[in-house]
Amino acid sequence: MALTRPLVLAIAVNVLLVGVLLYSVASPGYASADLKSALHRSPAMRTRMNLGQRPSMIPRDVSQKAFLNNPEMVPDMGKRTLMNNLVLASLVPTVGSLAAPYLYYFYPKSGGGAGGAIQALDALGGPVTTESWFKNHRAKSRDLVQGIKGDPTYLIVNEENTLNSYGLNAVCTHLGCVVPWDGPENKYKCPCHGSQYAADGHVIRGPAPRPLALAHVSDADGKIQLAPWTETDFRTGEKPWWV
């Protein structure tokens, strides 16, 4: 598996921070000021220091006495603070490298194009071209493609055997079912709860509360593209509910 640049950077930063952390743990710490003063007050320790001897360890009674004199005293507090900061700092690149791809997954795809247009896709994820579409679809036909945000969207062929200027999102506005087209009755009929929509997608029977969402349809160099419909909904004369 190829390592991405952010992942390599996160690994490098973590290795560096772990190295600093290990060095901090291995290096000799420095007692607090209260502990130092307690050592100097100890006759045995003063004798060792006067003889030029380095104390190998802090006597237990001296440490306990220093703590009793100042209960808030914490030996090597600076080192502990440093270690805590290093642990927190090491989490930032790790969490960031994991969160970025996760958040990007929910970012809607965009095919570039004017007005945020995207490429219409078939059931297998391949691009839908004008040539391939009209090989299998004639006048007054309606069929589904993958549209904006991956929603199933109806492409409509007019009586003149041309693409309609708008497509219809097939997701029912009641509970999200995919609404099939009933050709003989010339309307969309939801089999789940009985909602019905006219040929242009407006509601003719509930319980669906809103019309089917619109999308612009265009032919860009032989490829069919869909773009968000953000202007007034011509069926209701109001602002689009899906914007």
Protein backbone atom coordinates (compact mmCIF):
# COMPACT_ATOMS: atom_id res chain seq x y z
CA MET A 1 0.00 0.00 0.00
CA ALA A 2 1.43 3.36 -1.01
CA LEU A 3 2.00 5.79 1.85
CA THR A 4 0.42 9.18 1.38
CA ARG A 5 2.36 12.32 2.17
CA PRO A 6 0.22 13.29 5.22
CA LEU A 7 0.61 9.78 6.64
CA VAL A 8 4.41 9.85 6.25
CA LEU A 9 4.51 13.27 7.91
CA ALA A 10 2.37 12.04 10.81
CA ILE A 11 4.62 9.01 11.32
CA ALA A 12 7.75 11.18 11.27
CA VAL A 13 6.32 13.63 13.81
CA ASN A 14 5.24 10.81 16.10
CA VAL A 15 8.67 9.16 15.94
CA LEU A 16 10.29 12.49 16.82
CA LEU A 17 7.94 13.10 19.74
CA VAL A 18 8.37 9.57 21.07
CA GLY A 19 12.16 10.00 20.92
CA VAL A 20 11.99 13.24 22.88
CA LEU A 21 9.66 11.59 25.38
CA LEU A 22 12.02 8.64 25.92
CA TYR A 23 15.00 10.98 26.30
CA SER A 24 13.05 12.99 28.89
CA VAL A 25 12.25 9.84 30.85
CA ALA A 26 15.81 8.48 30.70
CA SER A 27 17.59 11.72 31.56
CA PRO A 28 18.12 12.60 35.25
CA GLY A 29 15.51 14.94 36.60
CA TYR A 30 15.89 17.82 38.97
CA ALA A 31 14.24 17.92 42.35
CA SER A 32 12.05 20.84 43.25
CA ALA A 33 13.33 23.77 45.28
CA ASP A 34 11.69 22.47 48.44
CA LEU A 35 13.34 19.08 48.03
CA LYS A 36 16.74 20.71 47.45
CA SER A 37 16.38 22.79 50.59
CA ALA A 38 15.47 19.67 52.55
CA LEU A 39 18.61 17.96 51.28
CA HIS A 40 20.77 20.86 52.36
CA ARG A 41 19.19 20.80 55.79
CA SER A 42 20.11 17.12 56.19
CA PRO A 43 23.44 16.75 58.05
CA ALA A 44 24.24 13.48 56.31
CA MET A 45 23.72 14.96 52.87
CA ARG A 46 25.72 18.10 53.71
CA THR A 47 28.59 15.88 54.88
CA ARG A 48 28.54 13.96 51.57
CA MET A 49 28.44 17.18 49.58
CA ASN A 50 31.32 18.68 51.57
CA LEU A 51 33.38 15.54 50.88
CA GLY A 52 32.67 15.91 47.18
CA GLN A 53 30.57 12.77 47.05
CA ARG A 54 27.52 12.65 44.78
CA PRO A 55 24.49 11.20 46.54
CA SER A 56 23.38 8.08 44.72
CA MET A 57 19.76 8.50 45.71
CA ILE A 58 17.49 10.66 47.82
CA PRO A 59 16.93 9.13 51.28
CA ARG A 60 13.33 8.17 51.88
CA ASP A 61 13.10 10.11 55.14
CA VAL A 62 14.34 13.30 53.47
CA SER A 63 11.80 12.98 50.62
CA GLN A 64 8.99 12.34 53.09
CA LYS A 65 10.04 15.25 55.26
CA ALA A 66 10.15 17.60 52.29
CA PHE A 67 6.68 16.49 51.24
CA LEU A 68 5.30 16.94 54.77
CA ASN A 69 6.75 20.45 54.93
CA ASN A 70 5.04 21.32 51.64
CA PRO A 71 2.20 18.91 50.72
CA GLU A 72 1.66 20.69 47.37
CA MET A 73 5.21 19.95 46.29
CA VAL A 74 5.46 17.46 43.39
CA PRO A 75 8.98 16.23 42.54
CA ASP A 76 9.96 16.71 38.90
CA MET A 77 6.74 18.58 38.07
CA GLY A 78 8.44 20.18 35.08
CA LYS A 79 9.23 16.79 33.58
CA ARG A 80 5.68 15.56 34.13
CA THR A 81 4.27 18.66 32.45
CA LEU A 82 6.63 18.17 29.51
CA MET A 83 5.60 14.53 29.15
CA ASN A 84 1.90 15.42 29.23
CA ASN A 85 2.38 18.10 26.59
CA LEU A 86 4.32 15.69 24.38
CA VAL A 87 1.58 13.06 24.62
CA LEU A 88 -1.07 15.62 23.69
CA ALA A 89 1.05 16.99 20.84
CA SER A 90 1.61 13.50 19.43
CA LEU A 91 -2.16 12.99 19.18
CA VAL A 92 -2.71 15.99 16.92
CA PRO A 93 -1.09 14.68 13.69
CA THR A 94 -2.45 11.18 14.31
CA VAL A 95 -6.04 12.31 14.81
CA GLY A 96 -5.71 14.80 11.95
CA SER A 97 -4.42 12.20 9.49
CA LEU A 98 -7.31 9.88 10.39
CA ALA A 99 -10.04 12.53 10.51
CA ALA A 100 -9.20 14.24 7.19
CA PRO A 101 -10.01 11.23 4.93
CA TYR A 102 -13.10 10.46 7.04
CA LEU A 103 -14.48 13.99 6.64
CA TYR A 104 -13.52 14.09 2.94
CA TYR A 105 -15.68 10.99 2.39
CA PHE A 106 -18.78 13.05 3.15
CA TYR A 107 -17.75 15.93 0.90
CA PRO A 108 -19.96 15.82 -2.23
CA LYS A 109 -18.24 14.89 -5.45
CA SER A 110 -17.84 17.53 -8.10
CA GLY A 111 -17.00 17.01 -11.68
CA GLY A 112 -15.75 20.51 -12.25
CA GLY A 113 -18.02 22.00 -14.91
CA ALA A 114 -19.86 25.29 -14.86
CA GLY A 115 -22.25 25.86 -11.98
CA GLY A 116 -20.97 22.80 -10.11
CA ALA A 117 -22.05 20.40 -12.86
CA ILE A 118 -21.18 16.73 -12.41
CA GLN A 119 -21.00 13.82 -14.81
CA ALA A 120 -24.08 11.61 -14.93
CA LEU A 121 -23.15 7.98 -14.24
CA ASP A 122 -24.75 4.69 -15.14
CA ALA A 123 -25.50 1.80 -12.76
CA LEU A 124 -21.89 0.59 -12.97
CA GLY A 125 -20.41 4.03 -12.32
CA GLY A 126 -19.43 4.71 -15.94
CA PRO A 127 -20.03 8.11 -17.59
CA VAL A 128 -23.28 8.48 -19.51
CA THR A 129 -22.74 9.87 -23.01
CA THR A 130 -25.36 11.37 -25.29
CA GLU A 131 -24.60 8.79 -27.95
CA SER A 132 -25.01 5.79 -25.63
CA TRP A 133 -28.17 7.23 -24.08
CA PHE A 134 -30.02 7.71 -27.35
CA LYS A 135 -29.10 4.22 -28.51
CA ASN A 136 -31.46 2.77 -25.93
CA HIS A 137 -33.87 5.64 -25.21
CA ARG A 138 -36.42 7.18 -27.54
CA ALA A 139 -38.97 9.98 -27.34
CA LYS A 140 -40.99 10.21 -24.09
CA SER A 141 -38.70 7.76 -22.28
CA ARG A 142 -37.53 8.30 -18.72
CA ASP A 143 -34.76 6.36 -17.05
CA LEU A 144 -32.46 6.62 -14.04
CA VAL A 145 -28.81 7.68 -13.75
CA GLN A 146 -26.61 8.46 -10.77
CA GLY A 147 -26.95 12.18 -10.23
CA ILE A 148 -25.96 14.84 -7.71
CA LYS A 149 -24.69 13.30 -4.44
CA GLY A 150 -25.26 9.90 -6.02
CA ASP A 151 -29.06 10.25 -5.91
CA PRO A 152 -31.03 8.39 -8.59
CA THR A 153 -32.17 10.98 -11.14
CA TYR A 154 -34.52 10.67 -14.09
CA LEU A 155 -33.27 11.79 -17.50
CA ILE A 156 -36.20 12.68 -19.73
CA VAL A 157 -36.30 12.43 -23.51
CA ASN A 158 -38.75 14.88 -25.08
CA GLU A 159 -41.16 14.21 -27.92
CA GLU A 160 -38.60 15.82 -30.27
CA ASN A 161 -36.16 13.06 -29.26
CA THR A 162 -33.93 15.50 -27.37
CA LEU A 163 -32.87 15.64 -23.74
CA ASN A 164 -35.14 17.61 -21.46
CA SER A 165 -33.46 20.65 -19.91
CA TYR A 166 -34.13 19.36 -16.40
CA GLY A 167 -34.05 16.00 -14.65
CA LEU A 168 -35.99 14.82 -11.61
CA ASN A 169 -34.54 13.41 -8.42
CA ALA A 170 -36.28 10.06 -7.93
CA VAL A 171 -36.16 10.13 -4.11
CA CYS A 172 -39.66 10.46 -2.67
CA THR A 173 -40.05 13.51 -0.43
CA HIS A 174 -42.12 11.51 2.04
CA LEU A 175 -39.78 8.84 3.41
CA GLY A 176 -37.03 8.58 0.80
CA CYS A 177 -38.23 5.71 -1.41
CA VAL A 178 -37.18 5.62 -5.06
CA VAL A 179 -40.28 6.52 -7.04
CA PRO A 180 -40.85 4.53 -10.28
CA TRP A 181 -42.29 6.04 -13.45
CA ASP A 182 -45.67 4.70 -14.57
CA GLY A 183 -45.71 5.27 -18.34
CA PRO A 184 -49.32 4.25 -19.08
CA GLU A 185 -50.62 6.62 -16.37
CA ASN A 186 -48.04 9.31 -17.17
CA LYS A 187 -47.02 9.90 -13.54
CA TYR A 188 -44.65 8.79 -10.81
CA LYS A 189 -46.22 6.45 -8.25
CA CYS A 190 -44.55 5.51 -4.97
CA PRO A 191 -45.40 1.89 -4.11
CA CYS A 192 -44.56 2.35 -0.42
CA HIS A 193 -47.16 4.85 0.81
CA GLY A 194 -49.11 5.85 -2.30
CA SER A 195 -47.60 9.27 -3.07
CA GLN A 196 -47.99 10.35 -6.69
CA TYR A 197 -46.24 12.98 -8.77
CA ALA A 198 -47.07 14.52 -12.13
CA ALA A 199 -44.73 14.24 -15.12
CA ASP A 200 -42.91 17.42 -14.04
CA GLY A 201 -42.53 16.12 -10.46
CA HIS A 202 -45.13 18.17 -8.56
CA VAL A 203 -47.29 16.37 -5.99
CA ILE A 204 -50.75 15.26 -7.10
CA ARG A 205 -51.38 12.91 -4.19
CA GLY A 206 -49.95 12.71 -0.67
CA PRO A 207 -48.59 11.96 1.80
CA ALA A 208 -45.50 13.42 0.05
CA PRO A 209 -45.24 17.05 1.24
CA ARG A 210 -42.99 18.47 -1.50
CA PRO A 211 -42.31 18.04 -5.23
CA LEU A 212 -39.39 16.02 -6.56
CA ALA A 213 -36.13 17.96 -6.66
CA LEU A 214 -34.99 19.42 -10.00
CA ALA A 215 -31.54 19.31 -11.63
CA HIS A 216 -30.24 21.01 -14.77
CA VAL A 217 -29.32 18.65 -17.61
CA SER A 218 -26.78 19.57 -20.27
CA ASP A 219 -24.67 18.01 -23.01
CA ALA A 220 -20.98 18.84 -22.50
CA ASP A 221 -18.86 17.56 -25.40
CA GLY A 222 -21.00 14.46 -25.78
CA LYS A 223 -21.25 13.73 -22.05
CA ILE A 224 -24.44 14.25 -20.07
CA GLN A 225 -23.97 16.46 -17.01
CA LEU A 226 -26.22 17.43 -14.12
CA ALA A 227 -26.04 20.71 -12.20
CA PRO A 228 -27.88 21.91 -9.06
CA TRP A 229 -31.11 23.79 -9.63
CA THR A 230 -30.89 26.87 -7.40
CA GLU A 231 -33.31 29.29 -9.06
CA THR A 232 -37.07 29.52 -8.49
CA ASP A 233 -39.00 26.26 -8.79
CA PHE A 234 -41.18 26.88 -11.87
CA ARG A 235 -43.80 24.41 -10.55
CA THR A 236 -44.45 26.25 -7.30
CA GLY A 237 -43.08 29.74 -7.97
CA GLU A 238 -41.08 29.47 -4.75
CA LYS A 239 -37.48 28.99 -3.69
CA PRO A 240 -36.38 25.35 -4.10
CA TRP A 241 -36.85 23.41 -0.86
CA TRP A 242 -33.69 21.32 -1.55
CA VAL A 243 -31.33 24.33 -1.62
